[in-house]
Amino acid sequence: QVQLVESGGGSVQAGGSLRLSCAASGRIFNTYTMGWFRQAPGKEREFVGAIKWSVGNTLYANSVKGRFTASRDSAKNTVYLQMNSLKPEDTAVYYCAAETQETAIVTTWTRYDYWGQGTQVTVSS
């Protein structure tokens, strides 16, 4: 079992920055992918970015590429999502999730096995 707890959400003006954290507990294997997803009201949950726990390679949605950066601190069992140049369309509940089966990074949210509770990010214009 893996438990994930997000923190770091909040309200910010357009152009600002936030850093989300996702603390993981339980059995974390190097093969896991740690993903970030978001869901705005009335919209589907969408992939934001992900990082492989072992080698640290990353993948991002086109909408956030160049603005968001995923990282991990293995000693703290924590992954981060640094979000810069935020836009009003980034407003959503952000979730971290763990995918435990695949070698490659998976972008489909239904393939992820464990989820955090979510944290709200609100960007005002």
N, C-alpha and C. Protein backbone atom coordinates (compact mmCIF):
# COMPACT_ATOMS: atom_id res chain seq x y z
N GLN A 1 0.83 -1.19 0.00
CA GLN A 1 0.00 0.00 0.00
C GLN A 1 0.87 1.24 0.00
N VAL A 2 0.42 2.24 -0.71
CA VAL A 2 1.10 3.52 -0.79
C VAL A 2 0.12 4.61 -0.39
N GLN A 3 0.56 5.51 0.46
CA GLN A 3 -0.26 6.65 0.84
C GLN A 3 0.41 7.92 0.31
N LEU A 4 -0.40 8.78 -0.27
CA LEU A 4 0.10 10.02 -0.86
C LEU A 4 -0.65 11.20 -0.25
N VAL A 5 0.11 12.22 0.15
CA VAL A 5 -0.50 13.41 0.74
C VAL A 5 0.07 14.64 0.04
N GLU A 6 -0.82 15.39 -0.64
CA GLU A 6 -0.38 16.61 -1.33
C GLU A 6 -0.47 17.81 -0.39
N SER A 7 0.34 18.79 -0.70
CA SER A 7 0.26 20.08 -0.02
C SER A 7 0.83 21.15 -0.96
N GLY A 8 0.59 22.41 -0.60
CA GLY A 8 1.20 23.49 -1.35
C GLY A 8 0.27 24.24 -2.27
N GLY A 9 -0.98 23.82 -2.37
CA GLY A 9 -1.91 24.56 -3.21
C GLY A 9 -2.25 25.90 -2.60
N GLY A 10 -2.97 26.70 -3.36
CA GLY A 10 -3.38 28.01 -2.87
C GLY A 10 -3.85 28.89 -4.00
N SER A 11 -3.95 30.17 -3.70
CA SER A 11 -4.39 31.15 -4.67
C SER A 11 -3.24 32.05 -5.05
N VAL A 12 -3.14 32.36 -6.33
CA VAL A 12 -2.04 33.19 -6.82
C VAL A 12 -2.53 33.96 -8.03
N GLN A 13 -1.91 35.08 -8.29
CA GLN A 13 -2.25 35.85 -9.48
C GLN A 13 -1.54 35.28 -10.71
N ALA A 14 -2.10 35.55 -11.86
CA ALA A 14 -1.49 35.10 -13.10
C ALA A 14 -0.05 35.58 -13.18
N GLY A 15 0.82 34.68 -13.64
CA GLY A 15 2.24 34.97 -13.70
C GLY A 15 3.01 34.53 -12.47
N GLY A 16 2.29 34.19 -11.42
CA GLY A 16 2.92 33.77 -10.19
C GLY A 16 3.34 32.31 -10.20
N SER A 17 3.85 31.86 -9.05
CA SER A 17 4.37 30.49 -8.92
C SER A 17 3.83 29.82 -7.67
N LEU A 18 3.76 28.52 -7.74
CA LEU A 18 3.45 27.68 -6.59
C LEU A 18 4.27 26.40 -6.71
N ARG A 19 4.55 25.79 -5.57
CA ARG A 19 5.19 24.49 -5.57
C ARG A 19 4.32 23.51 -4.79
N LEU A 20 3.90 22.46 -5.47
CA LEU A 20 3.14 21.40 -4.83
C LEU A 20 4.08 20.31 -4.35
N SER A 21 3.73 19.73 -3.23
CA SER A 21 4.50 18.61 -2.69
C SER A 21 3.58 17.40 -2.57
N CYS A 22 4.18 16.23 -2.69
CA CYS A 22 3.44 14.98 -2.53
C CYS A 22 4.31 14.04 -1.71
N ALA A 23 3.94 13.87 -0.45
CA ALA A 23 4.69 12.99 0.45
C ALA A 23 4.14 11.58 0.34
N ALA A 24 5.04 10.65 0.08
CA ALA A 24 4.65 9.26 -0.10
C ALA A 24 5.09 8.43 1.09
N SER A 25 4.23 7.53 1.53
CA SER A 25 4.58 6.59 2.58
C SER A 25 4.14 5.19 2.14
N GLY A 26 4.71 4.20 2.79
CA GLY A 26 4.46 2.83 2.36
C GLY A 26 5.61 2.33 1.51
N ARG A 27 5.37 1.29 0.76
CA ARG A 27 6.42 0.67 -0.04
C ARG A 27 6.53 1.37 -1.39
N ILE A 28 7.60 2.14 -1.57
CA ILE A 28 7.85 2.84 -2.82
C ILE A 28 8.99 2.15 -3.54
N PHE A 29 8.75 1.64 -4.72
CA PHE A 29 9.78 0.98 -5.50
C PHE A 29 10.31 1.91 -6.57
N ASN A 30 11.57 1.69 -6.93
CA ASN A 30 12.22 2.56 -7.91
C ASN A 30 11.53 2.54 -9.26
N THR A 31 10.78 1.51 -9.54
CA THR A 31 10.12 1.40 -10.85
C THR A 31 8.86 2.24 -10.96
N TYR A 32 8.43 2.81 -9.85
CA TYR A 32 7.17 3.56 -9.87
C TYR A 32 7.30 4.84 -10.67
N THR A 33 6.17 5.23 -11.24
CA THR A 33 6.02 6.56 -11.84
C THR A 33 5.15 7.39 -10.93
N MET A 34 5.60 8.59 -10.65
CA MET A 34 4.80 9.52 -9.85
C MET A 34 4.24 10.57 -10.79
N GLY A 35 2.93 10.60 -10.89
CA GLY A 35 2.27 11.49 -11.83
C GLY A 35 1.54 12.62 -11.15
N TRP A 36 1.37 13.69 -11.88
CA TRP A 36 0.55 14.83 -11.45
C TRP A 36 -0.59 14.98 -12.45
N PHE A 37 -1.80 15.11 -11.93
CA PHE A 37 -2.99 15.30 -12.73
C PHE A 37 -3.76 16.48 -12.17
N ARG A 38 -4.68 17.00 -12.96
CA ARG A 38 -5.55 18.06 -12.47
C ARG A 38 -6.94 17.91 -13.04
N GLN A 39 -7.89 18.46 -12.30
CA GLN A 39 -9.27 18.40 -12.74
C GLN A 39 -9.96 19.71 -12.39
N ALA A 40 -10.43 20.38 -13.42
CA ALA A 40 -11.20 21.61 -13.24
C ALA A 40 -12.68 21.25 -13.22
N PRO A 41 -13.51 22.11 -12.62
CA PRO A 41 -14.95 21.82 -12.56
C PRO A 41 -15.55 21.58 -13.94
N GLY A 42 -16.27 20.48 -14.07
CA GLY A 42 -16.93 20.17 -15.33
C GLY A 42 -16.02 19.61 -16.40
N LYS A 43 -14.77 19.36 -16.06
CA LYS A 43 -13.82 18.85 -17.06
C LYS A 43 -13.27 17.49 -16.64
N GLU A 44 -12.72 16.80 -17.62
CA GLU A 44 -12.08 15.51 -17.35
C GLU A 44 -10.77 15.72 -16.61
N ARG A 45 -10.39 14.71 -15.85
CA ARG A 45 -9.08 14.73 -15.21
C ARG A 45 -8.02 14.63 -16.31
N GLU A 46 -7.00 15.48 -16.21
CA GLU A 46 -6.00 15.48 -17.27
C GLU A 46 -4.59 15.35 -16.72
N PHE A 47 -3.75 14.76 -17.54
CA PHE A 47 -2.35 14.58 -17.20
C PHE A 47 -1.63 15.92 -17.24
N VAL A 48 -0.78 16.14 -16.24
CA VAL A 48 0.02 17.36 -16.17
C VAL A 48 1.49 17.04 -16.40
N GLY A 49 2.00 16.10 -15.63
CA GLY A 49 3.40 15.72 -15.74
C GLY A 49 3.67 14.51 -14.88
N ALA A 50 4.84 13.91 -15.07
CA ALA A 50 5.19 12.73 -14.29
C ALA A 50 6.70 12.57 -14.25
N ILE A 51 7.15 11.81 -13.26
CA ILE A 51 8.57 11.57 -13.08
C ILE A 51 8.77 10.13 -12.65
N LYS A 52 9.77 9.47 -13.22
CA LYS A 52 10.12 8.12 -12.79
C LYS A 52 10.92 8.22 -11.50
N TRP A 53 10.50 7.44 -10.50
CA TRP A 53 11.13 7.54 -9.20
C TRP A 53 12.62 7.22 -9.27
N SER A 54 12.99 6.27 -10.10
CA SER A 54 14.38 5.80 -10.13
C SER A 54 15.31 6.78 -10.82
N VAL A 55 15.15 6.94 -12.13
CA VAL A 55 16.14 7.72 -12.88
C VAL A 55 15.77 9.19 -13.00
N GLY A 56 14.54 9.53 -12.66
CA GLY A 56 14.16 10.94 -12.65
C GLY A 56 13.76 11.51 -14.00
N ASN A 57 13.59 10.67 -15.02
CA ASN A 57 13.15 11.23 -16.29
C ASN A 57 11.70 11.68 -16.18
N THR A 58 11.36 12.69 -16.97
CA THR A 58 10.07 13.35 -16.83
C THR A 58 9.33 13.43 -18.16
N LEU A 59 8.05 13.69 -18.04
CA LEU A 59 7.19 13.90 -19.22
C LEU A 59 6.14 14.91 -18.83
N TYR A 60 5.80 15.83 -19.75
CA TYR A 60 4.85 16.88 -19.43
C TYR A 60 3.80 17.00 -20.52
N ALA A 61 2.63 17.47 -20.11
CA ALA A 61 1.61 17.84 -21.08
C ALA A 61 2.08 19.09 -21.83
N ASN A 62 1.67 19.20 -23.07
CA ASN A 62 2.09 20.36 -23.87
C ASN A 62 1.66 21.67 -23.24
N SER A 63 0.53 21.65 -22.55
CA SER A 63 -0.02 22.88 -21.98
C SER A 63 0.83 23.45 -20.85
N VAL A 64 1.69 22.63 -20.27
CA VAL A 64 2.50 23.10 -19.13
C VAL A 64 3.99 23.02 -19.41
N LYS A 65 4.36 22.47 -20.55
CA LYS A 65 5.77 22.29 -20.86
C LYS A 65 6.47 23.64 -20.86
N GLY A 66 7.63 23.68 -20.18
CA GLY A 66 8.38 24.91 -20.07
C GLY A 66 7.98 25.78 -18.89
N ARG A 67 6.85 25.46 -18.27
CA ARG A 67 6.39 26.24 -17.11
C ARG A 67 6.40 25.40 -15.83
N PHE A 68 6.12 24.12 -15.96
CA PHE A 68 6.05 23.24 -14.79
C PHE A 68 7.24 22.29 -14.80
N THR A 69 7.71 21.96 -13.60
CA THR A 69 8.83 21.03 -13.47
C THR A 69 8.56 20.06 -12.33
N ALA A 70 8.65 18.78 -12.63
CA ALA A 70 8.51 17.74 -11.60
C ALA A 70 9.89 17.32 -11.12
N SER A 71 9.98 17.05 -9.83
CA SER A 71 11.24 16.59 -9.26
C SER A 71 10.93 15.67 -8.09
N ARG A 72 11.96 14.98 -7.60
CA ARG A 72 11.73 14.12 -6.43
C ARG A 72 12.93 14.18 -5.52
N ASP A 73 12.65 13.95 -4.24
CA ASP A 73 13.67 13.86 -3.20
C ASP A 73 13.52 12.48 -2.58
N SER A 74 14.38 11.58 -2.99
CA SER A 74 14.25 10.20 -2.52
C SER A 74 14.43 10.07 -1.02
N ALA A 75 15.29 10.89 -0.46
CA ALA A 75 15.53 10.82 0.98
C ALA A 75 14.28 11.19 1.78
N LYS A 76 13.46 12.07 1.21
CA LYS A 76 12.23 12.51 1.89
C LYS A 76 11.00 11.78 1.37
N ASN A 77 11.18 10.89 0.40
CA ASN A 77 10.04 10.20 -0.23
C ASN A 77 8.99 11.20 -0.69
N THR A 78 9.44 12.26 -1.31
CA THR A 78 8.55 13.35 -1.71
C THR A 78 8.81 13.74 -3.16
N VAL A 79 7.73 13.97 -3.88
CA VAL A 79 7.84 14.53 -5.22
C VAL A 79 7.25 15.93 -5.22
N TYR A 80 7.71 16.73 -6.15
CA TYR A 80 7.31 18.13 -6.21
C TYR A 80 6.84 18.48 -7.62
N LEU A 81 6.00 19.49 -7.68
CA LEU A 81 5.63 20.07 -8.96
C LEU A 81 5.80 21.58 -8.82
N GLN A 82 6.86 22.09 -9.41
CA GLN A 82 7.10 23.53 -9.42
C GLN A 82 6.33 24.13 -10.59
N MET A 83 5.45 25.07 -10.28
CA MET A 83 4.59 25.66 -11.30
C MET A 83 4.89 27.14 -11.41
N ASN A 84 5.42 27.55 -12.55
CA ASN A 84 5.75 28.95 -12.80
C ASN A 84 4.88 29.52 -13.91
N SER A 85 4.87 30.81 -14.00
CA SER A 85 4.10 31.51 -15.05
C SER A 85 2.67 30.99 -15.11
N LEU A 86 2.05 30.90 -13.96
CA LEU A 86 0.71 30.33 -13.88
C LEU A 86 -0.31 31.17 -14.62
N LYS A 87 -1.29 30.48 -15.20
CA LYS A 87 -2.34 31.11 -15.97
C LYS A 87 -3.69 30.77 -15.34
N PRO A 88 -4.71 31.58 -15.57
CA PRO A 88 -6.04 31.26 -15.03
C PRO A 88 -6.52 29.87 -15.44
N GLU A 89 -6.16 29.42 -16.62
CA GLU A 89 -6.58 28.09 -17.08
C GLU A 89 -5.88 26.95 -16.35
N ASP A 90 -4.91 27.27 -15.51
CA ASP A 90 -4.28 26.24 -14.67
C ASP A 90 -5.10 25.97 -13.41
N THR A 91 -6.13 26.75 -13.19
CA THR A 91 -6.98 26.56 -12.00
C THR A 91 -7.64 25.20 -12.02
N ALA A 92 -7.43 24.44 -10.95
CA ALA A 92 -7.96 23.07 -10.86
C ALA A 92 -7.59 22.49 -9.50
N VAL A 93 -8.15 21.33 -9.23
CA VAL A 93 -7.65 20.50 -8.14
C VAL A 93 -6.53 19.63 -8.70
N TYR A 94 -5.39 19.67 -8.05
CA TYR A 94 -4.23 18.92 -8.50
C TYR A 94 -4.05 17.69 -7.62
N TYR A 95 -3.78 16.58 -8.29
CA TYR A 95 -3.59 15.31 -7.61
C TYR A 95 -2.23 14.71 -7.95
N CYS A 96 -1.61 14.10 -6.98
CA CYS A 96 -0.47 13.24 -7.31
C CYS A 96 -0.93 11.79 -7.25
N ALA A 97 -0.25 10.96 -8.00
CA ALA A 97 -0.65 9.57 -8.12
C ALA A 97 0.58 8.71 -8.39
N ALA A 98 0.47 7.44 -8.07
CA ALA A 98 1.56 6.49 -8.28
C ALA A 98 1.11 5.39 -9.22
N GLU A 99 1.92 5.14 -10.23
CA GLU A 99 1.67 4.05 -11.18
C GLU A 99 2.76 3.01 -10.96
N THR A 100 2.34 1.74 -10.76
CA THR A 100 3.29 0.75 -10.26
C THR A 100 3.65 -0.35 -11.23
N GLN A 101 3.08 -0.36 -12.44
CA GLN A 101 3.21 -1.53 -13.30
C GLN A 101 4.10 -1.34 -14.52
N GLU A 102 4.12 -0.15 -15.08
CA GLU A 102 4.74 0.05 -16.38
C GLU A 102 6.16 0.59 -16.29
N THR A 103 6.97 0.26 -17.29
CA THR A 103 8.32 0.79 -17.35
C THR A 103 8.31 2.23 -17.86
N ALA A 104 7.51 2.47 -18.88
CA ALA A 104 7.42 3.81 -19.45
C ALA A 104 6.43 4.66 -18.65
N ILE A 105 6.55 5.95 -18.78
CA ILE A 105 5.62 6.86 -18.11
C ILE A 105 4.26 6.77 -18.79
N VAL A 106 3.24 6.60 -17.97
CA VAL A 106 1.87 6.46 -18.44
C VAL A 106 1.14 7.78 -18.20
N THR A 107 0.35 8.22 -19.17
CA THR A 107 -0.35 9.50 -19.03
C THR A 107 -1.84 9.36 -18.80
N THR A 108 -2.37 8.15 -18.83
CA THR A 108 -3.79 7.91 -18.63
C THR A 108 -4.09 7.75 -17.16
N TRP A 109 -5.00 8.57 -16.63
CA TRP A 109 -5.18 8.58 -15.19
C TRP A 109 -5.73 7.27 -14.65
N THR A 110 -6.46 6.55 -15.48
CA THR A 110 -7.06 5.30 -15.00
C THR A 110 -6.01 4.21 -14.77
N ARG A 111 -4.81 4.43 -15.27
CA ARG A 111 -3.74 3.43 -15.10
C ARG A 111 -3.00 3.60 -13.78
N TYR A 112 -3.28 4.65 -13.06
CA TYR A 112 -2.58 4.92 -11.82
C TYR A 112 -3.28 4.22 -10.66
N ASP A 113 -2.45 3.72 -9.74
CA ASP A 113 -2.96 2.82 -8.71
C ASP A 113 -3.27 3.50 -7.38
N TYR A 114 -2.53 4.52 -7.05
CA TYR A 114 -2.71 5.20 -5.76
C TYR A 114 -2.82 6.70 -6.01
N TRP A 115 -3.66 7.34 -5.19
CA TRP A 115 -3.96 8.76 -5.36
C TRP A 115 -3.92 9.50 -4.04
N GLY A 116 -3.49 10.75 -4.13
CA GLY A 116 -3.62 11.63 -3.01
C GLY A 116 -5.00 12.25 -2.96
N GLN A 117 -5.22 13.09 -1.97
CA GLN A 117 -6.54 13.67 -1.76
C GLN A 117 -6.81 14.89 -2.63
N GLY A 118 -5.77 15.44 -3.21
CA GLY A 118 -5.91 16.62 -4.07
C GLY A 118 -5.69 17.91 -3.31
N THR A 119 -5.24 18.91 -4.03
CA THR A 119 -5.03 20.24 -3.47
C THR A 119 -5.47 21.28 -4.50
N GLN A 120 -6.18 22.30 -4.02
CA GLN A 120 -6.75 23.29 -4.93
C GLN A 120 -5.70 24.33 -5.33
N VAL A 121 -5.64 24.62 -6.61
CA VAL A 121 -4.83 25.70 -7.14
C VAL A 121 -5.76 26.66 -7.87
N THR A 122 -5.74 27.92 -7.47
CA THR A 122 -6.58 28.93 -8.09
C THR A 122 -5.71 30.06 -8.59
N VAL A 123 -5.82 30.37 -9.88
CA VAL A 123 -5.02 31.43 -10.49
C VAL A 123 -5.98 32.50 -10.98
N SER A 124 -5.81 33.70 -10.47
CA SER A 124 -6.69 34.80 -10.85
C SER A 124 -6.01 35.70 -11.88
N SER A 125 -6.83 36.32 -12.71
CA SER A 125 -6.28 37.17 -13.77
C SER A 125 -6.11 38.59 -13.31
